[in-house]
C-alpha atoms as a PDB file:
ATOM      1  CA  UNK A   1     129.176  48.975  75.188  1.00  0.00           C
ATOM      2  CA  UNK A   2     126.762  50.747  77.413  1.00  0.00           C
ATOM      3  CA  UNK A   3     126.680  48.711  80.475  1.00  0.00           C
ATOM      4  CA  UNK A   4     123.225  49.869  81.184  1.00  0.00           C
ATOM      5  CA  UNK A   5     121.915  48.133  77.902  1.00  0.00           C
ATOM      6  CA  UNK A   6     119.487  45.588  79.163  1.00  0.00           C
ATOM      7  CA  UNK A   7     119.319  42.013  77.906  1.00  0.00           C
ATOM      8  CA  UNK A   8     115.875  42.444  76.239  1.00  0.00           C
ATOM      9  CA  UNK A   9     117.189  45.390  74.238  1.00  0.00           C
ATOM     10  CA  UNK A  10     120.193  43.350  73.163  1.00  0.00           C
ATOM     11  CA  UNK A  11     117.940  40.555  71.983  1.00  0.00           C
ATOM     12  CA  UNK A  12     115.802  42.976  69.997  1.00  0.00           C
ATOM     13  CA  UNK A  13     118.883  44.548  68.385  1.00  0.00           C
ATOM     14  CA  UNK A  14     120.256  41.191  67.298  1.00  0.00           C
ATOM     15  CA  UNK A  15     116.910  40.172  65.848  1.00  0.00           C
ATOM     16  CA  UNK A  16     116.716  43.367  63.797  1.00  0.00           C
ATOM     17  CA  UNK A  17     120.157  42.791  62.425  1.00  0.00           C
ATOM     18  CA  UNK A  18     119.169  39.310  61.286  1.00  0.00           C
ATOM     19  CA  UNK A  19     116.002  40.609  59.612  1.00  0.00           C
ATOM     20  CA  UNK A  20     117.943  43.344  57.834  1.00  0.00           C
ATOM     21  CA  UNK A  21     120.576  40.879  56.689  1.00  0.00           C
ATOM     22  CA  UNK A  22     118.016  38.436  55.300  1.00  0.00           C
ATOM     23  CA  UNK A  23     116.942  40.860  52.524  1.00  0.00           C
ATOM     24  CA  UNK A  24     120.128  40.108  50.543  1.00  0.00           C
ATOM     25  CA  UNK A  25     119.445  36.304  50.269  1.00  0.00           C
ATOM     26  CA  UNK A  26     117.355  35.348  47.158  1.00  0.00           C
ATOM     27  CA  UNK A  27     114.171  33.403  47.773  1.00  0.00           C
ATOM     28  CA  UNK A  28     113.948  29.896  46.258  1.00  0.00           C
ATOM     29  CA  UNK A  29     110.645  30.893  44.563  1.00  0.00           C
ATOM     30  CA  UNK A  30     112.476  33.184  42.132  1.00  0.00           C
ATOM     31  CA  UNK A  31     115.302  30.834  41.132  1.00  0.00           C
ATOM     32  CA  UNK A  32     115.815  30.182  37.273  1.00  0.00           C
ATOM     33  CA  UNK A  33     114.008  27.005  35.826  1.00  0.00           C
ATOM     34  CA  UNK A  34     116.350  24.377  34.228  1.00  0.00           C
ATOM     35  CA  UNK A  35     115.860  23.953  30.362  1.00  0.00           C
ATOM     36  CA  UNK A  36     114.340  20.681  28.841  1.00  0.00           C
ATOM     37  CA  UNK A  37     117.092  19.047  26.809  1.00  0.00           C
ATOM     38  CA  UNK A  38     115.980  15.404  26.953  1.00  0.00           C
ATOM     39  CA  UNK A  39     114.494  13.832  23.799  1.00  0.00           C
ATOM     40  CA  UNK A  40     111.437  11.582  23.965  1.00  0.00           C
ATOM     41  CA  UNK A  41     111.802   7.845  23.427  1.00  0.00           C
ATOM     42  CA  UNK A  42     109.392   5.895  21.220  1.00  0.00           C
ATOM     43  CA  UNK A  43     109.030   2.542  19.468  1.00  0.00           C
ATOM     44  CA  UNK A  44     106.944   0.860  16.764  1.00  0.00           C
ATOM     45  CA  UNK A  45     106.612  -2.468  14.967  1.00  0.00           C
ATOM     46  CA  UNK A  46     105.854  -3.449  11.355  1.00  0.00           C
ATOM     47  CA  UNK A  47     103.520  -6.339  10.568  1.00  0.00           C
ATOM     48  CA  UNK A  48     106.047  -7.892   8.163  1.00  0.00           C
ATOM     49  CA  UNK A  49     109.580  -7.273   6.869  1.00  0.00           C
ATOM     50  CA  UNK A  50     108.669  -8.438   3.325  1.00  0.00           C
ATOM     51  CA  UNK A  51     105.840  -7.456   0.967  1.00  0.00           C
ATOM     52  CA  UNK A  52     104.837  -7.665  -2.707  1.00  0.00           C
ATOM     53  CA  UNK A  53     104.531  -4.609  -4.882  1.00  0.00           C
ATOM     54  CA  UNK A  54     101.163  -2.949  -4.282  1.00  0.00           C
ATOM     55  CA  UNK A  55     100.706  -4.358  -0.784  1.00  0.00           C
ATOM     56  CA  UNK A  56     100.586  -2.209   2.368  1.00  0.00           C
ATOM     57  CA  UNK A  57     102.808  -2.393   5.422  1.00  0.00           C
ATOM     58  CA  UNK A  58     101.049  -1.795   8.753  1.00  0.00           C
ATOM     59  CA  UNK A  59     102.865   0.211  11.440  1.00  0.00           C
ATOM     60  CA  UNK A  60     101.744  -0.345  15.037  1.00  0.00           C
ATOM     61  CA  UNK A  61     102.668   2.354  17.551  1.00  0.00           C
ATOM     62  CA  UNK A  62     104.394   1.427  20.789  1.00  0.00           C
ATOM     63  CA  UNK A  63     104.892   3.368  24.019  1.00  0.00           C
ATOM     64  CA  UNK A  64     106.308   6.920  23.901  1.00  0.00           C
ATOM     65  CA  UNK A  65     107.886   8.496  26.990  1.00  0.00           C
ATOM     66  CA  UNK A  66     109.388  11.897  27.827  1.00  0.00           C
ATOM     67  CA  UNK A  67     110.655  13.524  31.033  1.00  0.00           C
ATOM     68  CA  UNK A  68     108.443  16.615  30.596  1.00  0.00           C
ATOM     69  CA  UNK A  69     105.918  16.383  27.725  1.00  0.00           C
ATOM     70  CA  UNK A  70     102.875  14.147  28.018  1.00  0.00           C
ATOM     71  CA  UNK A  71     102.660  11.364  25.356  1.00  0.00           C
ATOM     72  CA  UNK A  72      99.735  13.018  23.592  1.00  0.00           C
ATOM     73  CA  UNK A  73     101.795  16.206  23.130  1.00  0.00           C
ATOM     74  CA  UNK A  74     104.635  14.446  21.333  1.00  0.00           C
ATOM     75  CA  UNK A  75     104.481  14.573  17.527  1.00  0.00           C
ATOM     76  CA  UNK A  76     105.152  11.430  15.463  1.00  0.00           C
ATOM     77  CA  UNK A  77     106.306  11.854  11.857  1.00  0.00           C
ATOM     78  CA  UNK A  78     106.688   8.702   9.746  1.00  0.00           C
ATOM     79  CA  UNK A  79     109.054   8.661   6.765  1.00  0.00           C
ATOM     80  CA  UNK A  80     108.223   5.599   4.659  1.00  0.00           C
ATOM     81  CA  UNK A  81     111.481   5.432   2.709  1.00  0.00           C
ATOM     82  CA  UNK A  82     109.884   5.899  -0.723  1.00  0.00           C
ATOM     83  CA  UNK A  83     109.853   9.695  -0.696  1.00  0.00           C
ATOM     84  CA  UNK A  84     106.593  10.044   1.222  1.00  0.00           C
ATOM     85  CA  UNK A  85     105.862  10.839   4.853  1.00  0.00           C
ATOM     86  CA  UNK A  86     102.898  11.359   7.162  1.00  0.00           C
ATOM     87  CA  UNK A  87     102.125  12.527  10.668  1.00  0.00           C
ATOM     88  CA  UNK A  88     100.476  10.005  12.955  1.00  0.00           C
ATOM     89  CA  UNK A  89      98.116  11.027  15.738  1.00  0.00           C
ATOM     90  CA  UNK A  90      99.046   9.889  19.227  1.00  0.00           C
ATOM     91  CA  UNK A  91      95.731   8.059  19.542  1.00  0.00           C
ATOM     92  CA  UNK A  92      96.091   6.091  16.307  1.00  0.00           C
ATOM     93  CA  UNK A  93      97.076   2.529  17.104  1.00  0.00           C
ATOM     94  CA  UNK A  94      98.068   1.633  13.535  1.00  0.00           C
ATOM     95  CA  UNK A  95      98.729   3.271  10.176  1.00  0.00           C
ATOM     96  CA  UNK A  96      99.158   1.584   6.778  1.00  0.00           C
ATOM     97  CA  UNK A  97     101.211   2.541   3.737  1.00  0.00           C
ATOM     98  CA  UNK A  98     101.135   1.064   0.218  1.00  0.00           C
ATOM     99  CA  UNK A  99     104.315   0.574  -1.795  1.00  0.00           C
ATOM    100  CA  UNK A 100     104.099   1.043  -5.565  1.00  0.00           C
ATOM    101  CA  UNK A 101     107.656  -0.004  -6.451  1.00  0.00           C
ATOM    102  CA  UNK A 102     110.200  -2.639  -5.554  1.00  0.00           C
ATOM    103  CA  UNK A 103     113.098  -2.012  -3.197  1.00  0.00           C
ATOM    104  CA  UNK A 104     114.291  -2.034   0.380  1.00  0.00           C
ATOM    105  CA  UNK A 105     112.703   0.829   2.310  1.00  0.00           C
ATOM    106  CA  UNK A 106     113.639   2.109   5.766  1.00  0.00           C
ATOM    107  CA  UNK A 107     110.621   3.204   7.797  1.00  0.00           C
ATOM    108  CA  UNK A 108     111.607   5.916  10.292  1.00  0.00           C
ATOM    109  CA  UNK A 109     109.495   7.548  12.990  1.00  0.00           C
ATOM    110  CA  UNK A 110     110.698  10.871  14.433  1.00  0.00           C
ATOM    111  CA  UNK A 111     109.402  11.721  17.914  1.00  0.00           C
ATOM    112  CA  UNK A 112     109.490  15.438  18.897  1.00  0.00           C
ATOM    113  CA  UNK A 113     108.476  16.891  22.272  1.00  0.00           C
ATOM    114  CA  UNK A 114     107.174  20.385  23.090  1.00  0.00           C
ATOM    115  CA  UNK A 115     110.691  21.713  23.586  1.00  0.00           C
ATOM    116  CA  UNK A 116     111.758  20.576  20.119  1.00  0.00           C
ATOM    117  CA  UNK A 117     113.873  17.651  21.265  1.00  0.00           C
ATOM    118  CA  UNK A 118     113.638  14.702  18.899  1.00  0.00           C
ATOM    119  CA  UNK A 119     114.727  11.094  18.484  1.00  0.00           C
ATOM    120  CA  UNK A 120     114.126   8.424  15.864  1.00  0.00           C
ATOM    121  CA  UNK A 121     113.287   4.728  15.605  1.00  0.00           C
ATOM    122  CA  UNK A 122     113.658   2.755  12.381  1.00  0.00           C
ATOM    123  CA  UNK A 123     112.805  -0.589  10.753  1.00  0.00           C
ATOM    124  CA  UNK A 124     113.127  -1.909   7.184  1.00  0.00           C
ATOM    125  CA  UNK A 125     110.701  -3.555   4.727  1.00  0.00           C
ATOM    126  CA  UNK A 126     111.613  -5.213   1.420  1.00  0.00           C
ATOM    127  CA  UNK A 127     109.166  -5.045  -1.523  1.00  0.00           C
ATOM    128  CA  UNK A 128     109.396  -7.503  -4.456  1.00  0.00           C
ATOM    129  CA  UNK A 129     107.373  -8.656  -7.467  1.00  0.00           C
ATOM    130  CA  UNK A 130     106.169 -12.278  -7.190  1.00  0.00           C
ATOM    131  CA  UNK A 131     106.483 -14.893  -9.925  1.00  0.00           C
ATOM    132  CA  UNK A 132     108.028 -15.171 -13.372  1.00  0.00           C
ATOM    133  CA  UNK A 133     106.116 -15.768 -16.610  1.00  0.00           C
ATOM    134  CA  UNK A 134     106.539 -17.140 -20.116  1.00  0.00           C
ATOM    135  CA  UNK A 135     104.166 -16.889 -23.097  1.00  0.00           C
ATOM    136  CA  UNK A 136     104.518 -19.611 -25.745  1.00  0.00           C
ATOM    137  CA  UNK A 137     103.245 -17.399 -28.617  1.00  0.00           C
ATOM    138  CA  UNK A 138     103.035 -13.631 -28.809  1.00  0.00           C
ATOM    139  CA  UNK A 139     101.106 -13.529 -32.102  1.00  0.00           C
ATOM    140  CA  UNK A 140      98.058 -15.760 -32.592  1.00  0.00           C
ATOM    141  CA  UNK A 141      94.958 -16.204 -34.723  1.00  0.00           C
ATOM    142  CA  UNK A 142      91.475 -16.476 -33.301  1.00  0.00           C
ATOM    143  CA  UNK A 143      91.041 -19.773 -31.422  1.00  0.00           C
ATOM    144  CA  UNK A 144      94.738 -20.549 -31.692  1.00  0.00           C
ATOM    145  CA  UNK A 145      96.082 -21.936 -28.428  1.00  0.00           C
ATOM    146  CA  UNK A 146      98.816 -20.158 -26.527  1.00  0.00           C
ATOM    147  CA  UNK A 147     100.278 -21.317 -23.212  1.00  0.00           C
ATOM    148  CA  UNK A 148     101.174 -19.035 -20.310  1.00  0.00           C
ATOM    149  CA  UNK A 149     103.534 -20.573 -17.743  1.00  0.00           C
ATOM    150  CA  UNK A 150     103.653 -19.326 -14.135  1.00  0.00           C
ATOM    151  CA  UNK A 151     106.834 -20.198 -12.222  1.00  0.00           C
ATOM    152  CA  UNK A 152     108.600 -19.077  -9.026  1.00  0.00           C
ATOM    153  CA  UNK A 153     105.221 -18.589  -7.387  1.00  0.00           C
ATOM    154  CA  UNK A 154     106.083 -17.748  -3.740  1.00  0.00           C
ATOM    155  CA  UNK A 155     105.078 -20.004  -0.874  1.00  0.00           C
ATOM    156  CA  UNK A 156     102.001 -18.657   0.871  1.00  0.00           C
ATOM    157  CA  UNK A 157     100.306 -17.539  -2.352  1.00  0.00           C
ATOM    158  CA  UNK A 158      96.600 -18.272  -1.880  1.00  0.00           C
ATOM    159  CA  UNK A 159      95.379 -17.503  -5.419  1.00  0.00           C
ATOM    160  CA  UNK A 160      96.228 -15.716  -8.663  1.00  0.00           C
ATOM    161  CA  UNK A 161      93.759 -13.590 -10.626  1.00  0.00           C
ATOM    162  CA  UNK A 162      94.786 -14.006 -14.281  1.00  0.00           C
ATOM    163  CA  UNK A 163      93.616 -11.122 -16.491  1.00  0.00           C
ATOM    164  CA  UNK A 164      93.644 -12.426 -20.083  1.00  0.00           C
ATOM    165  CA  UNK A 165      93.257  -8.921 -21.507  1.00  0.00           C
ATOM    166  CA  UNK A 166      89.860  -9.644 -23.088  1.00  0.00           C
ATOM    167  CA  UNK A 167      87.676  -9.127 -20.025  1.00  0.00           C
ATOM    168  CA  UNK A 168      88.016 -12.682 -18.740  1.00  0.00           C
ATOM    169  CA  UNK A 169      89.785 -13.040 -15.367  1.00  0.00           C
ATOM    170  CA  UNK A 170      89.964 -16.692 -14.281  1.00  0.00           C
ATOM    171  CA  UNK A 171      91.081 -17.404 -10.709  1.00  0.00           C
ATOM    172  CA  UNK A 172      94.027 -19.801 -10.544  1.00  0.00           C
ATOM    173  CA  UNK A 173      95.513 -21.755  -7.669  1.00  0.00           C
ATOM    174  CA  UNK A 174      98.528 -20.217  -5.950  1.00  0.00           C
ATOM    175  CA  UNK A 175     101.153 -22.536  -7.429  1.00  0.00           C
ATOM    176  CA  UNK A 176     103.436 -23.052 -10.432  1.00  0.00           C
ATOM    177  CA  UNK A 177     101.327 -23.993 -13.454  1.00  0.00           C
ATOM    178  CA  UNK A 178     100.700 -23.670 -17.184  1.00  0.00           C
ATOM    179  CA  UNK A 179      97.446 -22.262 -18.548  1.00  0.00           C
ATOM    180  CA  UNK A 180      96.176 -22.573 -22.131  1.00  0.00           C
ATOM    181  CA  UNK A 181      94.208 -19.597 -23.464  1.00  0.00           C
ATOM    182  CA  UNK A 182      92.671 -18.595 -26.796  1.00  0.00           C
ATOM    183  CA  UNK A 183      91.037 -15.442 -28.112  1.00  0.00           C
ATOM    184  CA  UNK A 184      87.944 -14.619 -30.133  1.00  0.00           C
ATOM    185  CA  UNK A 185      85.135 -12.818 -28.291  1.00  0.00           C
ATOM    186  CA  UNK A 186      85.453 -10.337 -25.434  1.00  0.00           C
ATOM    187  CA  UNK A 187      83.528 -11.008 -22.230  1.00  0.00           C
ATOM    188  CA  UNK A 188      81.376  -7.919 -22.717  1.00  0.00           C
ATOM    189  CA  UNK A 189      80.921  -8.493 -26.453  1.00  0.00           C
ATOM    190  CA  UNK A 190      82.875  -7.722 -29.574  1.00  0.00           C
ATOM    191  CA  UNK A 191      85.774  -9.507 -31.206  1.00  0.00           C
ATOM    192  CA  UNK A 192      89.315  -9.448 -29.853  1.00  0.00           C
ATOM    193  CA  UNK A 193      91.627  -7.714 -32.319  1.00  0.00           C
ATOM    194  CA  UNK A 194      95.172  -6.422 -32.081  1.00  0.00           C
ATOM    195  CA  UNK A 195      97.380  -6.358 -28.975  1.00  0.00           C
ATOM    196  CA  UNK A 196      96.047  -7.490 -25.603  1.00  0.00           C
ATOM    197  CA  UNK A 197      97.989  -7.147 -22.342  1.00  0.00           C
ATOM    198  CA  UNK A 198      98.053 -10.003 -19.838  1.00  0.00           C
ATOM    199  CA  UNK A 199      98.349  -9.307 -16.095  1.00  0.00           C
ATOM    200  CA  UNK A 200      98.363 -11.334 -12.895  1.00  0.00           C
ATOM    201  CA  UNK A 201      97.421 -10.301  -9.351  1.00  0.00           C
ATOM    202  CA  UNK A 202      98.872 -12.432  -6.554  1.00  0.00           C
ATOM    203  CA  UNK A 203      97.186 -12.867  -3.165  1.00  0.00           C
ATOM    204  CA  UNK A 204      98.514 -13.922   0.239  1.00  0.00           C
ATOM    205  CA  UNK A 205      97.673 -13.142   3.881  1.00  0.00           C
ATOM    206  CA  UNK A 206      98.759  -9.526   3.373  1.00  0.00           C
ATOM    207  CA  UNK A 207      96.256  -8.955   0.550  1.00  0.00           C
ATOM    208  CA  UNK A 208      96.610  -8.367  -3.166  1.00  0.00           C
ATOM    209  CA  UNK A 209      99.659  -7.325  -5.129  1.00  0.00           C
ATOM    210  CA  UNK A 210      99.485  -4.758  -7.888  1.00  0.00           C
ATOM    211  CA  UNK A 211      98.421  -6.221 -11.257  1.00  0.00           C
ATOM    212  CA  UNK A 212     101.726  -7.528 -12.638  1.00  0.00           C
ATOM    213  CA  UNK A 213     102.287  -7.222 -16.371  1.00  0.00           C
ATOM    214  CA  UNK A 214     102.952 -10.643 -17.920  1.00  0.00           C
ATOM    215  CA  UNK A 215     103.284  -9.561 -21.543  1.00  0.00           C
ATOM    216  CA  UNK A 216     101.391  -8.726 -24.725  1.00  0.00           C
ATOM    217  CA  UNK A 217      99.812 -10.995 -27.342  1.00  0.00           C
ATOM    218  CA  UNK A 218      98.832  -9.746 -30.789  1.00  0.00           C
ATOM    219  CA  UNK A 219      95.531 -11.277 -31.914  1.00  0.00           C
ATOM    220  CA  UNK A 220      95.347 -11.456 -35.705  1.00  0.00           C
ATOM    221  CA  UNK A 221      92.036 -11.339 -37.582  1.00  0.00           C
ATOM    222  CA  UNK A 222      91.498 -14.417 -39.762  1.00  0.00           C
ATOM    223  CA  UNK A 223      89.038 -13.844 -42.616  1.00  0.00           C
ATOM    224  CA  UNK A 224      90.319 -16.580 -44.928  1.00  0.00           C
ATOM    225  CA  UNK A 225      88.212 -19.657 -45.558  1.00  0.00           C
ATOM    226  CA  UNK A 226      89.798 -23.109 -45.582  1.00  0.00           C
ATOM    227  CA  UNK A 227      89.699 -25.311 -48.668  1.00  0.00           C
ATOM    228  CA  UNK A 228      88.853 -29.043 -48.377  1.00  0.00           C
ATOM    229  CA  UNK A 229      89.917 -31.815 -50.756  1.00  0.00           C
ATOM    230  CA  UNK A 230      89.132 -35.528 -50.938  1.00  0.00           C
ATOM    231  CA  UNK A 231      91.909 -37.909 -51.908  1.00  0.00           C
ATOM    232  CA  UNK A 232      90.623 -40.566 -54.282  1.00  0.00           C
ATOM    233  CA  UNK A 233      92.319 -43.961 -53.975  1.00  0.00           C
ATOM    234  CA  UNK A 234      94.318 -45.472 -56.820  1.00  0.00           C
ATOM    235  CA  UNK A 235      91.596 -48.118 -57.417  1.00  0.00           C
ATOM    236  CA  UNK A 236      88.366 -46.252 -56.681  1.00  0.00           C
ATOM    237  CA  UNK A 237      86.129 -49.098 -57.904  1.00  0.00           C
ATOM    238  CA  UNK A 238      87.325 -51.447 -55.161  1.00  0.00           C
ATOM    239  CA  UNK A 239      85.454 -51.645 -51.825  1.00  0.00           C
ATOM    240  CA  UNK A 240      88.756 -52.249 -50.012  1.00  0.00           C
ATOM    241  CA  UNK A 241      90.110 -48.941 -51.299  1.00  0.00           C
ATOM    242  CA  UNK A 242      87.539 -47.024 -49.211  1.00  0.00           C
ATOM    243  CA  UNK A 243      88.200 -48.462 -45.767  1.00  0.00           C
ATOM    244  CA  UNK A 244      89.422 -44.970 -44.997  1.00  0.00           C
ATOM    245  CA  UNK A 245      88.071 -41.774 -46.507  1.00  0.00           C
ATOM    246  CA  UNK A 246      90.945 -39.297 -46.607  1.00  0.00           C
ATOM    247  CA  UNK A 247      91.734 -35.794 -47.708  1.00  0.00           C
ATOM    248  CA  UNK A 248      93.465 -32.501 -47.038  1.00  0.00           C
ATOM    249  CA  UNK A 249      92.508 -29.066 -45.726  1.00  0.00           C
ATOM    250  CA  UNK A 250      94.471 -25.917 -46.496  1.00  0.00           C
ATOM    251  CA  UNK A 251      94.105 -22.526 -44.849  1.00  0.00           C
ATOM    252  CA  UNK A 252      96.015 -19.232 -45.148  1.00  0.00           C
ATOM    253  CA  UNK A 253      95.220 -18.120 -41.622  1.00  0.00           C
ATOM    254  CA  UNK A 254      94.915 -19.942 -38.322  1.00  0.00           C
ATOM    255  CA  UNK A 255      94.916 -23.369 -39.934  1.00  0.00           C
ATOM    256  CA  UNK A 256      92.228 -25.983 -40.473  1.00  0.00           C
ATOM    257  CA  UNK A 257      90.734 -27.368 -37.286  1.00  0.00           C
ATOM    258  CA  UNK A 258      88.238 -30.068 -38.232  1.00  0.00           C
ATOM    259  CA  UNK A 259      86.480 -31.702 -41.166  1.00  0.00           C
ATOM    260  CA  UNK A 260      82.772 -32.462 -41.347  1.00  0.00           C
ATOM    261  CA  UNK A 261      82.407 -35.653 -43.371  1.00  0.00           C
ATOM    262  CA  UNK A 262      79.207 -37.076 -44.885  1.00  0.00           C
ATOM    263  CA  UNK A 263      79.316 -40.582 -46.381  1.00  0.00           C
ATOM    264  CA  UNK A 264      76.323 -42.181 -48.163  1.00  0.00           C
ATOM    265  CA  UNK A 265      76.077 -45.420 -50.131  1.00  0.00           C
ATOM    266  CA  UNK A 266      73.372 -46.876 -52.355  1.00  0.00           C
ATOM    267  CA  UNK A 267      73.203 -50.666 -52.696  1.00  0.00           C
ATOM    268  CA  UNK A 268      70.505 -51.685 -55.128  1.00  0.00           C
ATOM    269  CA  UNK A 269      67.476 -49.673 -54.103  1.00  0.00           C
ATOM    270  CA  UNK A 270      68.572 -49.229 -50.491  1.00  0.00           C
ATOM    271  CA  UNK A 271      70.108 -46.004 -49.196  1.00  0.00           C
ATOM    272  CA  UNK A 272      72.437 -45.931 -46.182  1.00  0.00           C
ATOM    273  CA  UNK A 273      74.294 -43.149 -44.432  1.00  0.00           C
ATOM    274  CA  UNK A 274      77.262 -43.278 -42.075  1.00  0.00           C
ATOM    275  CA  UNK A 275      75.951 -41.468 -38.976  1.00  0.00           C
ATOM    276  CA  UNK A 276      77.671 -39.308 -36.400  1.00  0.00           C
ATOM    277  CA  UNK A 277      77.693 -42.439 -34.208  1.00  0.00           C
ATOM    278  CA  UNK A 278      79.907 -43.981 -36.922  1.00  0.00           C
ATOM    279  CA  UNK A 279      77.395 -46.642 -37.854  1.00  0.00           C
ATOM    280  CA  UNK A 280      75.484 -47.323 -41.067  1.00  0.00           C
ATOM    281  CA  UNK A 281      71.803 -46.438 -40.976  1.00  0.00           C
ATOM    282  CA  UNK A 282      69.283 -47.271 -43.690  1.00  0.00           C
ATOM    283  CA  UNK A 283      66.936 -44.416 -44.539  1.00  0.00           C
ATOM    284  CA  UNK A 284      63.648 -44.628 -46.440  1.00  0.00           C
ATOM    285  CA  UNK A 285      62.605 -40.993 -46.696  1.00  0.00           C
ATOM    286  CA  UNK A 286      63.954 -37.485 -46.809  1.00  0.00           C
ATOM    287  CA  UNK A 287      62.802 -36.951 -43.232  1.00  0.00           C
ATOM    288  CA  UNK A 288      64.817 -39.972 -42.079  1.00  0.00           C
ATOM    289  CA  UNK A 289      67.795 -38.771 -44.076  1.00  0.00           C
ATOM    290  CA  UNK A 290      67.671 -35.383 -42.350  1.00  0.00           C
ATOM    291  CA  UNK A 291      67.289 -37.071 -38.960  1.00  0.00           C
ATOM    292  CA  UNK A 292      70.079 -39.621 -39.230  1.00  0.00           C
ATOM    293  CA  UNK A 293      72.437 -38.337 -41.934  1.00  0.00           C
ATOM    294  CA  UNK A 294      72.720 -34.578 -41.488  1.00  0.00           C
ATOM    295  CA  UNK A 295      74.003 -34.411 -37.878  1.00  0.00           C
ATOM    296  CA  UNK A 296      77.700 -33.673 -38.390  1.00  0.00           C
ATOM    297  CA  UNK A 297      80.411 -36.283 -38.093  1.00  0.00           C
ATOM    298  CA  UNK A 298      83.631 -34.435 -37.244  1.00  0.00           C
ATOM    299  CA  UNK A 299      87.207 -35.610 -37.639  1.00  0.00           C
ATOM    300  CA  UNK A 300      90.284 -33.722 -36.556  1.00  0.00           C
ATOM    301  CA  UNK A 301      92.565 -32.078 -39.080  1.00  0.00           C
ATOM    302  CA  UNK A 302      96.197 -32.667 -38.213  1.00  0.00           C
ATOM    303  CA  UNK A 303      99.000 -31.020 -40.211  1.00  0.00           C
ATOM    304  CA  UNK A 304      96.595 -30.274 -43.006  1.00  0.00           C
ATOM    305  CA  UNK A 305      95.274 -33.839 -43.330  1.00  0.00           C
ATOM    306  CA  UNK A 306      92.130 -35.649 -42.205  1.00  0.00           C
ATOM    307  CA  UNK A 307      91.083 -39.311 -42.252  1.00  0.00           C
ATOM    308  CA  UNK A 308      87.898 -41.206 -41.376  1.00  0.00           C
ATOM    309  CA  UNK A 309      87.686 -44.982 -40.983  1.00  0.00           C
ATOM    310  CA  UNK A 310      84.501 -46.258 -42.667  1.00  0.00           C
ATOM    311  CA  UNK A 311      83.934 -49.971 -41.982  1.00  0.00           C
ATOM    312  CA  UNK A 312      81.143 -51.956 -43.608  1.00  0.00           C
ATOM    313  CA  UNK A 313      81.174 -50.479 -47.105  1.00  0.00           C
ATOM    314  CA  UNK A 314      79.422 -52.644 -49.711  1.00  0.00           C
ATOM    315  CA  UNK A 315      79.272 -52.734 -53.488  1.00  0.00           C
ATOM    316  CA  UNK A 316      77.141 -50.054 -55.008  1.00  0.00           C
ATOM    317  CA  UNK A 317      77.511 -46.342 -55.357  1.00  0.00           C
ATOM    318  CA  UNK A 318      79.434 -44.284 -52.796  1.00  0.00           C
ATOM    319  CA  UNK A 319      79.026 -40.532 -52.155  1.00  0.00           C
ATOM    320  CA  UNK A 320      81.445 -38.484 -50.009  1.00  0.00           C
ATOM    321  CA  UNK A 321      81.102 -34.792 -49.110  1.00  0.00           C
ATOM    322  CA  UNK A 322      83.424 -32.785 -46.862  1.00  0.00           C
ATOM    323  CA  UNK A 323      83.326 -29.325 -45.304  1.00  0.00           C
ATOM    324  CA  UNK A 324      86.236 -27.860 -43.293  1.00  0.00           C
ATOM    325  CA  UNK A 325      86.375 -25.364 -40.416  1.00  0.00           C
ATOM    326  CA  UNK A 326      89.506 -23.422 -39.411  1.00  0.00           C
ATOM    327  CA  UNK A 327      90.637 -22.432 -35.922  1.00  0.00           C
ATOM    328  CA  UNK A 328      89.152 -18.967 -36.311  1.00  0.00           C
ATOM    329  CA  UNK A 329      85.710 -20.471 -36.847  1.00  0.00           C
ATOM    330  CA  UNK A 330      85.568 -19.895 -40.601  1.00  0.00           C
ATOM    331  CA  UNK A 331      83.961 -22.628 -42.698  1.00  0.00           C
ATOM    332  CA  UNK A 332      84.941 -23.488 -46.231  1.00  0.00           C
ATOM    333  CA  UNK A 333      82.872 -21.573 -48.773  1.00  0.00           C
ATOM    334  CA  UNK A 334      82.076 -24.788 -50.626  1.00  0.00           C
ATOM    335  CA  UNK A 335      82.400 -28.488 -49.963  1.00  0.00           C
ATOM    336  CA  UNK A 336      84.550 -31.115 -51.637  1.00  0.00           C
ATOM    337  CA  UNK A 337      82.513 -33.880 -53.230  1.00  0.00           C
ATOM    338  CA  UNK A 338      83.273 -37.149 -54.932  1.00  0.00           C
ATOM    339  CA  UNK A 339      81.448 -40.299 -55.954  1.00  0.00           C
ATOM    340  CA  UNK A 340      82.602 -43.792 -56.867  1.00  0.00           C
ATOM    341  CA  UNK A 341      80.974 -46.898 -58.292  1.00  0.00           C
ATOM    342  CA  UNK A 342      82.122 -49.903 -56.288  1.00  0.00           C
ATOM    343  CA  UNK A 343      82.089 -53.028 -58.405  1.00  0.00           C
ATOM    344  CA  UNK A 344      84.879 -55.120 -56.896  1.00  0.00           C
ATOM    345  CA  UNK A 345      85.784 -56.209 -53.392  1.00  0.00           C
END
């Protein structure tokens, strides 16, 4: 080394060497960025694990986190387990989905960040049909009773809307029960004819189920008229033989329902009629007869027979007339009539 090289020059030379050497060291500002390989994490809850067919499950979103992407930039795809799916906005607190069939469905939410990383969260919901049903008759005439029995009604049922199939939808209590129904006229007019389908909609705190098919009833048209008959006693001249006025009623359709019985007696010159109050009333004119004797006195027909107790009959002439109505509302085309002369006790 040149001995005459001064210390300041040596310092300058060393500094230049350091500056020259520093050009080969990469600057931290140009280093490669590390890739995002971490999936977001999310959660949700369902309002219930069990529903009825036709009801909707409600999904409530929980917190979603990611190491890079902001929550609002993470997509949320819900697969409902029944073949359908939907995308939920980050700002939507809840989303509902209706199930149209029974089964156990897994609800899955897939969370995907901007880099394409994804994760899932899942929960299950079971969908069932509430209640079981039994119909006592599946083929009826007009006004013929049929009984529908509701059983296995789930706890928590608040009410049941019972669609009779003829426009009438009575609201029943949410419990096991039997309901008697009959058919003739639709709610909006017209007669009920042919098959009608019965349905029931159950309600609880989660809302209404789908209308559940109970069954079908065939409503037959009854155009036949019943035929009344009066049974004369073995000794028709005796007062004691007429303590009961009896007879039969036949019908080819729905069956006889009731008999309208008119009983009149004449004792000497006095005329009496057995009123609808089941008491004898003397009448002195046609107007009085129409007032006291024509209001109908009905007796029930049971197994094709009818009977009316008539106390207080006296000697004289007895007149009995009977009309019959069937369960479809048809009246007999003509009455049955008989008369007897009572001469002995």
